[in-house]
Amino acid sequence: MLGLMFLGATLITFNVSDEIREGLELVPFPTEEFQKTVITCLVLDLMVCYGIERLCRYFYLKQFK
């Protein structure tokens, strides 16, 4: 699920479809630098969320061994 959200946000950020952007009433990003900053934040967020999920799973499963 997290991967699908990341994919959707990435597609919107790269302005793949004008129809989707207009349907969600989004405006294009002002510069490519801002677009790269948003993608960097998305990648970092994905990595942190995945790491937290793995840690929680490890400690939760360790508790029941």
Protein backbone atom coordinates (compact mmCIF):
# COMPACT_ATOMS: atom_id res chain seq x y z
CA MET A 1 0.00 0.00 0.00
CA LEU A 2 2.82 2.35 0.88
CA GLY A 3 4.42 1.68 -2.50
CA LEU A 4 1.20 2.57 -4.33
CA MET A 5 0.95 5.87 -2.46
CA PHE A 6 4.57 6.63 -3.32
CA LEU A 7 3.95 5.78 -6.97
CA GLY A 8 0.88 8.02 -7.09
CA ALA A 9 2.68 10.94 -5.49
CA THR A 10 5.62 10.49 -7.84
CA LEU A 11 3.38 10.46 -10.92
CA ILE A 12 1.64 13.62 -9.74
CA THR A 13 4.96 15.30 -8.98
CA PHE A 14 6.37 14.54 -12.43
CA ASN A 15 3.13 15.80 -14.00
CA VAL A 16 2.64 12.62 -16.03
CA SER A 17 -1.03 13.30 -16.76
CA ASP A 18 -2.61 16.73 -17.10
CA GLU A 19 -6.04 15.11 -16.67
CA ILE A 20 -5.17 13.75 -13.23
CA ARG A 21 -3.64 17.08 -12.19
CA GLU A 22 -6.71 19.00 -13.35
CA GLY A 23 -9.06 16.44 -11.77
CA LEU A 24 -7.34 16.92 -8.41
CA GLU A 25 -7.19 20.69 -9.02
CA LEU A 26 -3.41 20.82 -8.60
CA VAL A 27 -1.13 23.44 -10.13
CA PRO A 28 2.20 22.56 -11.78
CA PHE A 29 5.37 22.93 -9.73
CA PRO A 30 7.06 26.30 -10.23
CA THR A 31 10.60 25.02 -10.88
CA GLU A 32 12.43 21.74 -11.48
CA GLU A 33 14.49 22.35 -8.33
CA PHE A 34 11.32 22.38 -6.24
CA GLN A 35 10.16 19.22 -7.99
CA LYS A 36 13.45 17.49 -7.12
CA THR A 37 13.12 18.63 -3.51
CA VAL A 38 9.65 17.11 -3.28
CA ILE A 39 10.85 13.81 -4.78
CA THR A 40 13.79 13.74 -2.35
CA CYS A 41 11.40 14.23 0.58
CA LEU A 42 9.13 11.47 -0.76
CA VAL A 43 12.05 9.02 -1.06
CA LEU A 44 13.33 9.84 2.43
CA ASP A 45 9.82 9.50 3.85
CA LEU A 46 9.39 6.12 2.16
CA MET A 47 12.71 4.87 3.55
CA VAL A 48 11.95 6.07 7.09
CA CYS A 49 8.44 4.56 7.06
CA TYR A 50 9.76 1.27 5.74
CA GLY A 51 12.49 1.22 8.41
CA ILE A 52 10.01 1.92 11.21
CA GLU A 53 7.70 -0.80 9.90
CA ARG A 54 10.55 -3.33 9.82
CA LEU A 55 11.63 -2.39 13.36
CA CYS A 56 8.10 -2.71 14.70
CA ARG A 57 7.67 -6.05 12.98
CA TYR A 58 11.02 -7.30 14.36
CA PHE A 59 10.25 -6.32 17.95
CA TYR A 60 6.65 -7.53 17.77
CA LEU A 61 7.61 -10.95 16.42
CA LYS A 62 10.56 -11.22 18.83
CA GLN A 63 8.14 -10.80 21.73
CA PHE A 64 6.22 -13.97 20.80
CA LYS A 65 9.19 -16.34 20.31
